[in-house]
Amino acid sequence: MNQCASGSESSTATSQYIGVRKRKYGRWVTEIREPGKKTRIWLGSYDTPEMAAVAYDVAALHLKGADNARLNFPEFVGRFPKPASNSPDDIRQAAQQAAAMQVEIIGSGGGAVVPERVELSASQIQAINEAPLDSPKMSMEVASVGESSANYEGTQVVEELDEMDPYSYTIWD
């Protein structure tokens, strides 16, 4: 549980993103102060911190400009929708539109799993295809992949894979 600067427990948690906080019931919310005023523009309540962060970025970029805005995703500025005017309603609408498009704008959130590339020799691929998935032999082959693949130069493995007929070595036979 995040704590306030004073050290006491807070009813809201902070986020790694600028302008985003988590409500005690689990939703992520964002708002932004209008420059030169004491008022804030409510940008919405969202399911993920990334959605709220994108919404904040749209409003910050519009209100403060590209040079002065502190953004969560500065690399995606060109993809953000632009508010039709300076009215709080138009800014809120563009922010909510960006949040709805968050996956298209920045990809899946921070928890995205990126597959790791594992290079196998032709004999390892053949052993995998020949052994049933639940056999001890298969377990031994899979366990040795990390050790034996380190012995191959990357180019050698690629050359071996290039020489193979892609239709003769499938795991679905």
C-alpha atoms as a PDB file:
ATOM      1  CA  MET A   1       0.000   0.000   0.000  1.00  0.00           C
ATOM      2  CA  ASN A   2       1.397   3.368  -0.966  1.00  0.00           C
ATOM      3  CA  GLN A   3       1.682   6.000   1.736  1.00  0.00           C
ATOM      4  CA  CYS A   4       1.420   9.783   1.728  1.00  0.00           C
ATOM      5  CA  ALA A   5       4.494  11.921   2.280  1.00  0.00           C
ATOM      6  CA  SER A   6       3.413  12.369   5.899  1.00  0.00           C
ATOM      7  CA  GLY A   7       3.721   8.614   6.428  1.00  0.00           C
ATOM      8  CA  SER A   8       0.066   7.880   7.144  1.00  0.00           C
ATOM      9  CA  GLU A   9      -1.928   5.468   5.002  1.00  0.00           C
ATOM     10  CA  SER A  10      -3.780   7.116   2.132  1.00  0.00           C
ATOM     11  CA  SER A  11      -7.189   6.194   0.757  1.00  0.00           C
ATOM     12  CA  THR A  12      -5.750   6.540  -2.751  1.00  0.00           C
ATOM     13  CA  ALA A  13      -2.597   5.003  -4.159  1.00  0.00           C
ATOM     14  CA  THR A  14      -0.195   6.777  -6.450  1.00  0.00           C
ATOM     15  CA  SER A  15       0.900   5.474  -9.810  1.00  0.00           C
ATOM     16  CA  GLN A  16       4.154   5.350 -11.706  1.00  0.00           C
ATOM     17  CA  TYR A  17       2.462   7.663 -14.201  1.00  0.00           C
ATOM     18  CA  ILE A  18       2.199  11.449 -13.969  1.00  0.00           C
ATOM     19  CA  GLY A  19      -1.287  12.688 -13.104  1.00  0.00           C
ATOM     20  CA  VAL A  20      -2.689   9.250 -12.292  1.00  0.00           C
ATOM     21  CA  ARG A  21      -3.861   7.814  -8.986  1.00  0.00           C
ATOM     22  CA  LYS A  22      -5.760   4.727  -7.879  1.00  0.00           C
ATOM     23  CA  ARG A  23      -8.998   4.967  -5.959  1.00  0.00           C
ATOM     24  CA  LYS A  24      -9.541   2.649  -3.011  1.00  0.00           C
ATOM     25  CA  TYR A  25     -12.080   0.637  -5.013  1.00  0.00           C
ATOM     26  CA  GLY A  26      -9.530  -0.119  -7.717  1.00  0.00           C
ATOM     27  CA  ARG A  27     -10.228   2.328 -10.543  1.00  0.00           C
ATOM     28  CA  TRP A  28      -7.503   4.601 -11.940  1.00  0.00           C
ATOM     29  CA  VAL A  29      -8.415   8.283 -12.166  1.00  0.00           C
ATOM     30  CA  THR A  30      -6.852  11.373 -13.666  1.00  0.00           C
ATOM     31  CA  GLU A  31      -7.448  15.098 -13.709  1.00  0.00           C
ATOM     32  CA  ILE A  32      -5.364  18.101 -14.692  1.00  0.00           C
ATOM     33  CA  ARG A  33      -5.155  21.651 -13.432  1.00  0.00           C
ATOM     34  CA  GLU A  34      -5.924  24.341 -15.989  1.00  0.00           C
ATOM     35  CA  PRO A  35      -2.884  26.601 -16.473  1.00  0.00           C
ATOM     36  CA  GLY A  36      -3.216  29.904 -14.615  1.00  0.00           C
ATOM     37  CA  LYS A  37      -6.378  28.801 -12.793  1.00  0.00           C
ATOM     38  CA  LYS A  38      -7.244  26.953  -9.614  1.00  0.00           C
ATOM     39  CA  THR A  39      -9.774  24.740 -11.391  1.00  0.00           C
ATOM     40  CA  ARG A  40      -9.173  21.208 -12.580  1.00  0.00           C
ATOM     41  CA  ILE A  41     -10.514  19.316 -15.563  1.00  0.00           C
ATOM     42  CA  TRP A  42     -11.756  15.857 -14.646  1.00  0.00           C
ATOM     43  CA  LEU A  43     -10.462  13.467 -17.313  1.00  0.00           C
ATOM     44  CA  GLY A  44     -12.125  10.297 -16.124  1.00  0.00           C
ATOM     45  CA  SER A  45     -11.937   7.015 -14.298  1.00  0.00           C
ATOM     46  CA  TYR A  46     -10.283   4.068 -16.063  1.00  0.00           C
ATOM     47  CA  ASP A  47      -9.629   0.343 -15.724  1.00  0.00           C
ATOM     48  CA  THR A  48      -5.842   0.547 -16.134  1.00  0.00           C
ATOM     49  CA  PRO A  49      -3.193   3.089 -15.170  1.00  0.00           C
ATOM     50  CA  GLU A  50      -2.022   3.195 -18.801  1.00  0.00           C
ATOM     51  CA  MET A  51      -5.459   4.303 -19.988  1.00  0.00           C
ATOM     52  CA  ALA A  52      -5.491   7.099 -17.412  1.00  0.00           C
ATOM     53  CA  ALA A  53      -1.912   8.088 -18.314  1.00  0.00           C
ATOM     54  CA  VAL A  54      -2.744   8.413 -22.011  1.00  0.00           C
ATOM     55  CA  ALA A  55      -5.803  10.514 -21.134  1.00  0.00           C
ATOM     56  CA  TYR A  56      -3.612  12.778 -18.986  1.00  0.00           C
ATOM     57  CA  ASP A  57      -1.033  13.100 -21.778  1.00  0.00           C
ATOM     58  CA  VAL A  58      -3.647  14.306 -24.281  1.00  0.00           C
ATOM     59  CA  ALA A  59      -4.850  17.012 -21.895  1.00  0.00           C
ATOM     60  CA  ALA A  60      -1.339  18.044 -20.796  1.00  0.00           C
ATOM     61  CA  LEU A  61      -0.133  18.300 -24.379  1.00  0.00           C
ATOM     62  CA  HIS A  62      -3.107  20.468 -25.352  1.00  0.00           C
ATOM     63  CA  LEU A  63      -3.028  22.722 -22.294  1.00  0.00           C
ATOM     64  CA  LYS A  64       0.725  23.132 -21.815  1.00  0.00           C
ATOM     65  CA  GLY A  65       2.178  22.517 -25.264  1.00  0.00           C
ATOM     66  CA  ALA A  66       4.798  20.053 -26.424  1.00  0.00           C
ATOM     67  CA  ASP A  67       7.680  22.040 -24.919  1.00  0.00           C
ATOM     68  CA  ASN A  68       6.235  22.427 -21.412  1.00  0.00           C
ATOM     69  CA  ALA A  69       4.136  19.322 -20.826  1.00  0.00           C
ATOM     70  CA  ARG A  70       5.508  16.481 -18.693  1.00  0.00           C
ATOM     71  CA  LEU A  71       4.208  13.416 -20.491  1.00  0.00           C
ATOM     72  CA  ASN A  72       4.001   9.733 -19.630  1.00  0.00           C
ATOM     73  CA  PHE A  73       4.395   8.639 -23.253  1.00  0.00           C
ATOM     74  CA  PRO A  74       6.226  11.429 -25.132  1.00  0.00           C
ATOM     75  CA  GLU A  75       7.217   9.030 -27.909  1.00  0.00           C
ATOM     76  CA  PHE A  76       3.554   8.685 -28.964  1.00  0.00           C
ATOM     77  CA  VAL A  77       2.635  12.382 -29.194  1.00  0.00           C
ATOM     78  CA  GLY A  78       1.846  12.121 -32.910  1.00  0.00           C
ATOM     79  CA  ARG A  79      -0.763   9.416 -32.280  1.00  0.00           C
ATOM     80  CA  PHE A  80      -2.796  11.318 -29.672  1.00  0.00           C
ATOM     81  CA  PRO A  81      -6.197  12.714 -30.684  1.00  0.00           C
ATOM     82  CA  LYS A  82      -6.429  16.497 -30.483  1.00  0.00           C
ATOM     83  CA  PRO A  83      -9.256  18.328 -28.662  1.00  0.00           C
ATOM     84  CA  ALA A  84     -11.575  20.328 -30.943  1.00  0.00           C
ATOM     85  CA  SER A  85     -11.256  23.422 -28.724  1.00  0.00           C
ATOM     86  CA  ASN A  86      -9.968  24.654 -25.362  1.00  0.00           C
ATOM     87  CA  SER A  87     -13.230  23.829 -23.600  1.00  0.00           C
ATOM     88  CA  PRO A  88     -12.986  21.328 -20.723  1.00  0.00           C
ATOM     89  CA  ASP A  89     -15.613  19.139 -22.418  1.00  0.00           C
ATOM     90  CA  ASP A  90     -13.602  18.889 -25.651  1.00  0.00           C
ATOM     91  CA  ILE A  91     -10.388  18.186 -23.738  1.00  0.00           C
ATOM     92  CA  ARG A  92     -12.153  15.508 -21.679  1.00  0.00           C
ATOM     93  CA  GLN A  93     -13.658  13.947 -24.812  1.00  0.00           C
ATOM     94  CA  ALA A  94     -10.258  13.748 -26.573  1.00  0.00           C
ATOM     95  CA  ALA A  95      -8.667  12.331 -23.406  1.00  0.00           C
ATOM     96  CA  GLN A  96     -11.351   9.651 -23.124  1.00  0.00           C
ATOM     97  CA  GLN A  97     -11.017   8.837 -26.820  1.00  0.00           C
ATOM     98  CA  ALA A  98      -7.257   8.364 -26.335  1.00  0.00           C
ATOM     99  CA  ALA A  99      -7.842   6.137 -23.312  1.00  0.00           C
ATOM    100  CA  ALA A 100     -10.208   3.973 -25.345  1.00  0.00           C
ATOM    101  CA  MET A 101      -7.523   3.701 -28.052  1.00  0.00           C
ATOM    102  CA  GLN A 102      -4.705   3.130 -25.534  1.00  0.00           C
ATOM    103  CA  VAL A 103      -3.763  -0.317 -26.846  1.00  0.00           C
ATOM    104  CA  GLU A 104      -3.532   1.050 -30.405  1.00  0.00           C
ATOM    105  CA  ILE A 105      -1.503   4.076 -29.269  1.00  0.00           C
ATOM    106  CA  ILE A 106       1.063   2.553 -26.909  1.00  0.00           C
ATOM    107  CA  GLY A 107       0.441  -1.182 -27.074  1.00  0.00           C
ATOM    108  CA  SER A 108      -0.593  -3.354 -24.175  1.00  0.00           C
ATOM    109  CA  GLY A 109       0.255  -2.123 -20.745  1.00  0.00           C
ATOM    110  CA  GLY A 110       3.328  -2.576 -18.647  1.00  0.00           C
ATOM    111  CA  GLY A 111       2.519  -6.185 -18.022  1.00  0.00           C
ATOM    112  CA  ALA A 112       2.957  -7.280 -21.595  1.00  0.00           C
ATOM    113  CA  VAL A 113       4.797 -10.560 -22.058  1.00  0.00           C
ATOM    114  CA  VAL A 114       7.288 -10.578 -24.890  1.00  0.00           C
ATOM    115  CA  PRO A 115       8.134 -14.037 -26.225  1.00  0.00           C
ATOM    116  CA  GLU A 116      11.736 -15.053 -25.893  1.00  0.00           C
ATOM    117  CA  ARG A 117      13.505 -16.435 -28.956  1.00  0.00           C
ATOM    118  CA  VAL A 118      15.034 -19.853 -28.383  1.00  0.00           C
ATOM    119  CA  GLU A 119      17.354 -21.233 -31.019  1.00  0.00           C
ATOM    120  CA  LEU A 120      17.237 -24.996 -31.514  1.00  0.00           C
ATOM    121  CA  SER A 121      19.368 -27.266 -33.622  1.00  0.00           C
ATOM    122  CA  ALA A 122      17.792 -29.536 -36.221  1.00  0.00           C
ATOM    123  CA  SER A 123      18.376 -32.563 -33.945  1.00  0.00           C
ATOM    124  CA  GLN A 124      16.635 -30.822 -31.031  1.00  0.00           C
ATOM    125  CA  ILE A 125      13.639 -30.003 -33.204  1.00  0.00           C
ATOM    126  CA  GLN A 126      13.499 -33.595 -34.429  1.00  0.00           C
ATOM    127  CA  ALA A 127      13.680 -34.925 -30.849  1.00  0.00           C
ATOM    128  CA  ILE A 128      10.833 -32.642 -29.801  1.00  0.00           C
ATOM    129  CA  ASN A 129       8.692 -33.777 -32.720  1.00  0.00           C
ATOM    130  CA  GLU A 130       9.364 -37.476 -32.141  1.00  0.00           C
ATOM    131  CA  ALA A 131       8.758 -37.601 -28.380  1.00  0.00           C
ATOM    132  CA  PRO A 132       5.286 -37.397 -26.834  1.00  0.00           C
ATOM    133  CA  LEU A 133       4.798 -34.154 -24.947  1.00  0.00           C
ATOM    134  CA  ASP A 134       4.451 -35.822 -21.548  1.00  0.00           C
ATOM    135  CA  SER A 135       7.335 -38.308 -21.869  1.00  0.00           C
ATOM    136  CA  PRO A 136      10.482 -38.268 -19.701  1.00  0.00           C
ATOM    137  CA  LYS A 137      12.563 -38.114 -22.893  1.00  0.00           C
ATOM    138  CA  MET A 138      10.785 -34.899 -23.873  1.00  0.00           C
ATOM    139  CA  SER A 139      11.430 -33.432 -20.416  1.00  0.00           C
ATOM    140  CA  MET A 140      15.139 -34.253 -20.724  1.00  0.00           C
ATOM    141  CA  GLU A 141      15.350 -32.710 -24.209  1.00  0.00           C
ATOM    142  CA  VAL A 142      13.580 -29.523 -23.120  1.00  0.00           C
ATOM    143  CA  ALA A 143      15.782 -29.249 -20.027  1.00  0.00           C
ATOM    144  CA  SER A 144      18.935 -29.518 -22.135  1.00  0.00           C
ATOM    145  CA  VAL A 145      17.869 -26.797 -24.600  1.00  0.00           C
ATOM    146  CA  GLY A 146      19.379 -23.967 -22.546  1.00  0.00           C
ATOM    147  CA  GLU A 147      22.682 -25.785 -22.119  1.00  0.00           C
ATOM    148  CA  SER A 148      23.184 -27.104 -25.633  1.00  0.00           C
ATOM    149  CA  SER A 149      21.895 -24.048 -27.517  1.00  0.00           C
ATOM    150  CA  ALA A 150      24.620 -21.982 -25.853  1.00  0.00           C
ATOM    151  CA  ASN A 151      27.197 -24.172 -27.663  1.00  0.00           C
ATOM    152  CA  TYR A 152      25.979 -23.076 -31.092  1.00  0.00           C
ATOM    153  CA  GLU A 153      26.914 -19.894 -32.817  1.00  0.00           C
ATOM    154  CA  GLY A 154      23.751 -17.953 -33.704  1.00  0.00           C
ATOM    155  CA  THR A 155      24.557 -18.022 -37.410  1.00  0.00           C
ATOM    156  CA  GLN A 156      25.082 -21.771 -37.417  1.00  0.00           C
ATOM    157  CA  VAL A 157      21.638 -22.373 -35.906  1.00  0.00           C
ATOM    158  CA  VAL A 158      20.014 -20.007 -38.392  1.00  0.00           C
ATOM    159  CA  GLU A 159      21.781 -21.761 -41.277  1.00  0.00           C
ATOM    160  CA  GLU A 160      20.578 -25.150 -40.004  1.00  0.00           C
ATOM    161  CA  LEU A 161      17.014 -23.859 -39.758  1.00  0.00           C
ATOM    162  CA  ASP A 162      17.220 -22.335 -43.241  1.00  0.00           C
ATOM    163  CA  GLU A 163      18.296 -25.691 -44.705  1.00  0.00           C
ATOM    164  CA  MET A 164      15.365 -27.545 -43.119  1.00  0.00           C
ATOM    165  CA  ASP A 165      12.108 -28.056 -44.913  1.00  0.00           C
ATOM    166  CA  PRO A 166       9.648 -26.089 -42.735  1.00  0.00           C
ATOM    167  CA  TYR A 167       6.877 -28.597 -43.435  1.00  0.00           C
ATOM    168  CA  SER A 168       8.821 -31.680 -42.372  1.00  0.00           C
ATOM    169  CA  TYR A 169       9.443 -30.570 -38.784  1.00  0.00           C
ATOM    170  CA  THR A 170       6.196 -29.681 -37.064  1.00  0.00           C
ATOM    171  CA  ILE A 171       5.064 -30.422 -33.560  1.00  0.00           C
ATOM    172  CA  TRP A 172       1.539 -31.181 -34.774  1.00  0.00           C
ATOM    173  CA  ASP A 173       2.315 -34.457 -36.650  1.00  0.00           C
END
